[in-house]
Protein backbone atom coordinates (compact mmCIF):
# COMPACT_ATOMS: atom_id res chain seq x y z
CA MET A 1 15.61 -13.21 26.62
CA GLU A 2 15.06 -10.07 24.57
CA ASN A 3 16.22 -10.23 20.97
CA LYS A 4 18.12 -7.00 20.32
CA ASN A 5 17.93 -7.58 16.57
CA GLN A 6 14.15 -7.94 16.61
CA LYS A 7 12.36 -5.43 14.35
CA ARG A 8 8.71 -4.46 14.06
CA TYR A 9 6.96 -4.45 10.68
CA VAL A 10 3.55 -3.02 9.87
CA LEU A 11 2.19 -4.20 6.50
CA VAL A 12 -0.44 -2.20 4.59
CA HIS A 13 -2.41 -3.70 1.69
CA GLY A 14 -3.64 -2.07 -1.51
CA ILE A 15 -7.13 -1.25 -2.77
CA CYS A 16 -9.80 -4.01 -2.62
CA HIS A 17 -7.40 -6.27 -0.71
CA GLY A 18 -6.84 -6.88 3.00
CA ALA A 19 -4.32 -8.10 5.55
CA TRP A 20 -4.86 -11.58 4.07
CA CYS A 21 -2.68 -10.75 1.04
CA TRP A 22 0.44 -10.83 3.28
CA TYR A 23 -0.17 -14.43 4.37
CA LYS A 24 3.10 -15.69 2.82
CA VAL A 25 5.24 -12.75 3.96
CA LYS A 26 4.19 -12.60 7.63
CA PRO A 27 5.41 -16.08 8.64
CA ILE A 28 8.74 -15.65 6.81
CA LEU A 29 9.49 -12.40 8.65
CA GLU A 30 8.33 -13.90 11.95
CA ALA A 31 10.50 -16.98 11.40
CA ALA A 32 13.44 -14.57 11.15
CA GLY A 33 12.59 -13.37 14.66
CA HIS A 34 10.62 -10.20 13.97
CA ILE A 35 7.22 -8.85 15.04
CA VAL A 36 4.75 -8.37 12.18
CA THR A 37 1.40 -6.55 12.26
CA THR A 38 -0.86 -6.80 9.21
CA VAL A 39 -3.54 -4.13 9.00
CA ASP A 40 -7.03 -4.28 7.50
CA LEU A 41 -7.85 -0.74 6.38
CA ALA A 42 -11.46 0.38 6.87
CA ALA A 43 -13.99 -1.71 4.88
CA SER A 44 -11.18 -4.14 3.94
CA GLY A 45 -10.51 -7.74 4.86
CA ILE A 46 -12.50 -8.53 8.02
CA ASP A 47 -12.91 -4.89 9.09
CA LYS A 48 -16.61 -4.21 9.70
CA THR A 49 -16.70 -0.58 8.50
CA ARG A 50 -19.18 0.03 5.68
CA LEU A 51 -18.02 1.84 2.56
CA GLU A 52 -20.52 4.66 3.18
CA GLU A 53 -18.88 5.41 6.52
CA ILE A 54 -15.61 6.33 4.79
CA GLN A 55 -15.80 10.03 4.01
CA THR A 56 -12.13 11.04 4.42
CA LEU A 57 -8.67 9.54 4.05
CA GLU A 58 -8.47 9.53 7.85
CA ASP A 59 -11.60 7.34 8.00
CA TYR A 60 -10.05 4.88 5.55
CA CYS A 61 -6.72 4.81 7.41
CA LYS A 62 -8.14 4.64 10.95
CA PRO A 63 -7.06 1.02 11.65
CA LEU A 64 -3.48 1.89 10.63
CA LEU A 65 -3.50 5.07 12.73
CA ASP A 66 -4.76 3.03 15.69
CA VAL A 67 -1.77 0.68 15.39
CA LEU A 68 0.74 3.53 15.21
CA SER A 69 -0.85 5.47 18.07
CA SER A 70 -0.06 2.70 20.56
CA PRO A 71 2.27 3.70 23.44
CA ASP A 72 4.92 1.22 22.24
CA GLU A 73 8.15 3.19 21.72
CA ASP A 74 9.74 0.86 19.17
CA LYS A 75 9.91 2.33 15.69
CA VAL A 76 8.35 0.28 12.90
CA VAL A 77 9.24 -0.49 9.31
CA LEU A 78 6.05 0.57 7.53
CA VAL A 79 5.53 -1.45 4.34
CA ALA A 80 2.90 -0.31 1.85
CA HIS A 81 1.61 -1.92 -1.32
CA SER A 82 -0.20 -0.29 -4.26
CA MET A 83 -2.74 2.35 -3.14
CA GLY A 84 -1.73 1.62 0.45
CA GLY A 85 1.25 3.88 -0.22
CA ILE A 86 -0.98 6.94 0.11
CA CYS A 87 -2.27 5.60 3.43
CA ALA A 88 1.28 4.96 4.63
CA ALA A 89 2.32 8.49 3.67
CA PHE A 90 -0.69 9.87 5.57
CA ALA A 91 0.26 7.85 8.66
CA ALA A 92 3.91 8.90 8.37
CA ASP A 93 2.83 12.54 8.24
CA ILE A 94 1.07 12.10 11.61
CA PHE A 95 3.51 9.71 13.31
CA PRO A 96 6.96 10.37 11.80
CA HIS A 97 8.60 9.62 15.17
CA LYS A 98 7.13 6.09 15.16
CA ILE A 99 8.50 5.06 11.75
CA ALA A 100 12.08 3.98 11.08
CA ALA A 101 11.47 3.70 7.33
CA THR A 102 8.56 3.57 4.91
CA VAL A 103 8.85 0.96 2.18
CA PHE A 104 6.81 1.44 -0.99
CA VAL A 105 6.31 -1.90 -2.76
CA THR A 106 5.26 -1.15 -6.37
CA SER A 107 3.16 1.45 -4.66
CA PHE A 108 1.78 4.92 -5.20
CA MET A 109 4.24 7.27 -3.50
CA PRO A 110 3.01 10.83 -2.84
CA ASP A 111 5.31 13.84 -2.61
CA THR A 112 5.16 16.91 -0.34
CA THR A 113 4.28 19.39 -3.09
CA ASN A 114 1.11 18.06 -4.70
CA PRO A 115 -2.16 16.83 -3.14
CA PRO A 116 -1.98 13.32 -1.59
CA ALA A 117 -3.95 11.74 -4.46
CA TYR A 118 -1.86 13.35 -7.21
CA VAL A 119 0.16 10.23 -8.10
CA LEU A 120 -3.02 8.11 -8.32
CA GLU A 121 -5.07 10.69 -10.24
CA LYS A 122 -2.22 11.18 -12.74
CA LEU A 123 -2.12 7.46 -13.57
CA MET A 124 -5.92 7.11 -13.67
CA ALA A 125 -6.15 9.97 -16.19
CA ASN A 126 -4.23 7.81 -18.69
CA LEU A 127 -6.54 4.78 -18.39
CA SER A 128 -9.54 4.22 -20.63
CA PRO A 129 -12.78 2.49 -19.52
CA GLN A 130 -11.73 -0.58 -21.53
CA ASP A 131 -8.58 -0.96 -19.42
CA TRP A 132 -10.69 -1.80 -16.38
CA LEU A 133 -12.25 -4.90 -17.99
CA ASP A 134 -14.80 -6.31 -15.50
CA THR A 135 -13.87 -4.03 -12.60
CA VAL A 136 -16.87 -2.22 -11.10
CA LEU A 137 -16.32 1.52 -10.70
CA GLY A 138 -18.82 3.93 -9.17
CA SER A 139 -19.42 6.77 -6.78
CA TYR A 140 -21.07 7.31 -3.39
CA GLY A 141 -21.52 10.14 -0.91
CA ARG A 142 -22.82 13.66 -1.51
CA PRO A 143 -23.63 14.78 -5.08
CA ASP A 144 -21.53 17.94 -4.59
CA ARG A 145 -18.53 15.87 -3.39
CA PRO A 146 -18.77 12.42 -4.93
CA LEU A 147 -16.39 9.78 -3.63
CA GLN A 148 -15.19 7.00 -5.91
CA PHE A 149 -15.15 3.26 -5.27
CA ALA A 150 -13.78 0.21 -7.07
CA LEU A 151 -14.20 -3.55 -6.98
CA PHE A 152 -11.69 -5.49 -9.07
CA GLY A 153 -13.25 -8.09 -11.36
CA PRO A 154 -11.85 -11.62 -11.88
CA LYS A 155 -10.59 -10.86 -15.42
CA PHE A 156 -8.87 -7.66 -14.26
CA LEU A 157 -7.23 -9.50 -11.35
CA ALA A 158 -5.97 -12.26 -13.65
CA LYS A 159 -4.61 -10.00 -16.39
CA TYR A 160 -3.21 -7.04 -14.48
CA LEU A 161 -2.49 -8.03 -10.88
CA TYR A 162 -1.86 -11.78 -10.60
CA GLN A 163 -0.54 -12.76 -14.03
CA LEU A 164 2.68 -14.25 -12.58
CA SER A 165 1.26 -15.39 -9.22
CA PRO A 166 0.18 -18.96 -8.41
CA GLY A 167 -3.36 -19.79 -9.46
CA GLU A 168 -4.35 -20.44 -5.84
CA ASP A 169 -3.57 -16.83 -4.96
CA LEU A 170 -5.71 -15.54 -7.81
CA GLU A 171 -8.60 -17.73 -6.59
CA LEU A 172 -8.13 -16.46 -3.04
CA ALA A 173 -8.31 -12.88 -4.29
CA LYS A 174 -11.48 -13.57 -6.28
CA MET A 175 -13.09 -14.78 -3.06
CA LEU A 176 -11.85 -12.06 -0.72
CA VAL A 177 -11.61 -8.72 -2.56
CA ARG A 178 -14.05 -6.07 -1.30
CA VAL A 179 -15.41 -2.77 -2.55
CA ASN A 180 -12.99 -0.05 -1.46
CA PRO A 181 -12.85 3.72 -1.77
CA SER A 182 -10.40 5.11 -4.30
CA VAL A 183 -8.09 7.72 -2.81
CA THR A 184 -9.06 10.65 -5.01
CA ASP A 185 -8.81 14.36 -4.19
CA ASN A 186 -12.37 14.33 -2.84
CA LEU A 187 -11.43 11.69 -0.26
CA ALA A 188 -7.91 12.88 0.58
CA GLY A 189 -8.26 16.66 0.24
CA THR A 190 -5.80 18.90 -1.56
CA ARG A 191 -3.44 19.84 1.28
CA SER A 192 -0.10 18.18 0.61
CA PHE A 193 1.78 16.09 3.17
CA THR A 194 4.45 17.99 5.10
CA GLU A 195 8.24 17.97 4.82
CA GLU A 196 8.61 17.84 8.61
CA GLY A 197 6.20 14.89 8.85
CA TYR A 198 6.09 12.44 5.97
CA GLY A 199 9.02 14.11 4.21
CA SER A 200 11.32 13.51 7.19
CA VAL A 201 10.89 9.71 7.19
CA LYS A 202 13.36 7.53 5.25
CA ARG A 203 11.73 6.11 2.14
CA ILE A 204 12.74 3.02 0.17
CA TYR A 205 11.05 2.00 -3.07
CA ILE A 206 10.87 -1.62 -4.29
CA ILE A 207 10.29 -1.75 -8.04
CA CYS A 208 8.46 -4.77 -9.42
CA GLY A 209 9.60 -5.42 -12.96
CA GLN A 210 6.48 -7.08 -14.42
CA ASP A 211 3.75 -4.95 -12.85
CA ASN A 212 0.90 -4.58 -15.37
CA VAL A 213 -0.94 -1.93 -13.28
CA ILE A 214 1.72 0.50 -12.10
CA HIS A 215 4.21 0.03 -14.92
CA VAL A 216 7.95 0.24 -14.27
CA ASP A 217 8.18 3.57 -16.10
CA TYR A 218 5.58 5.05 -13.77
CA GLN A 219 7.27 3.57 -10.70
CA ARG A 220 10.51 5.23 -11.81
CA TRP A 221 8.69 8.49 -12.53
CA MET A 222 7.42 8.60 -8.92
CA ILE A 223 10.95 7.92 -7.65
CA ASN A 224 12.33 10.75 -9.77
CA ASN A 225 9.47 12.99 -8.69
CA PHE A 226 10.25 12.47 -4.99
CA PRO A 227 13.70 10.84 -4.61
CA VAL A 228 14.10 8.09 -2.03
CA LYS A 229 16.92 6.83 0.19
CA GLU A 230 17.26 3.59 -1.76
CA VAL A 231 15.72 1.80 -4.75
CA MET A 232 15.52 -1.99 -4.90
CA GLU A 233 14.10 -4.14 -7.66
CA ILE A 234 12.47 -7.56 -7.95
CA GLU A 235 12.61 -8.98 -11.45
CA GLY A 236 9.80 -11.28 -12.52
CA ALA A 237 7.40 -9.87 -9.92
CA ASP A 238 3.89 -8.87 -10.93
CA HIS A 239 1.77 -6.33 -9.05
CA MET A 240 1.47 -8.85 -6.18
CA PRO A 241 5.10 -9.65 -5.28
CA MET A 242 3.95 -11.01 -1.91
CA ASN A 243 2.48 -13.87 -3.98
CA SER A 244 4.68 -14.09 -7.06
CA LYS A 245 8.04 -13.50 -5.31
CA PRO A 246 7.46 -13.72 -1.53
CA ARG A 247 10.95 -14.87 -0.56
CA GLU A 248 12.63 -12.22 -2.70
CA LEU A 249 10.37 -9.57 -1.19
CA CYS A 250 11.10 -10.75 2.35
CA ALA A 251 14.85 -10.77 1.68
CA ARG A 252 14.64 -7.10 0.77
CA LEU A 253 12.44 -6.25 3.72
CA LEU A 254 14.91 -7.95 6.08
CA GLU A 255 17.77 -6.05 4.47
CA ILE A 256 15.89 -2.75 4.87
CA ALA A 257 15.18 -3.38 8.56
CA ASP A 258 18.79 -4.36 9.17
CA ARG A 259 20.01 -1.17 7.50
CA TYR A 260 17.50 1.45 8.61
CA ALA A 261 15.58 0.23 11.69
């Protein structure tokens, strides 16, 4: 028998991560009776794309676009984490009719005025080389249009991303993180997302109170910069709330689907 209360979630990971980072969240949402799709962006998780093949934001987001381009008519709750927020905004700009709501979980949230990478570039400009610890940063592609990449180091993961998460999750990340492109202007272009596309989709922001990467002040700045339908907060959550506070995160995602999907 069809479950009329069944919702569809699509979960998008952040830079260097993969679908694997949602391993606690997916079964909780499914146990509540919902359909959950976790996406590996290009060159992430078990996706076989090589970094050098990613020349545009569309290249990076292709697996997500493939999911949303399916003929299924059910709208999805699109959940994005960290840099995945720019990918979610890109997808929402193309498929606004397929998305009931976009949820930004301590995530970069673009607006419809500035270039897609503006919110990331603005934060990066305030970081010094020392802040990156053992993270490997570099460039690839054409000399006249260099593209940036990153690979988080173990010390950076421990101090800035997973400081409140179980040790097992930190170890998992050390084993599974991959080199990913950074969504800079050179990758994403400078044409802003549209009001009639991305701007027309309901947006909810989930603030994580102990994020050492995208600090609370910056999360609130993005919300003020491009106001959302609703703001939720998870206290005691680091940058990886799917690990440090999975049940609290799922409770909010269930509430969002119940209200907006």
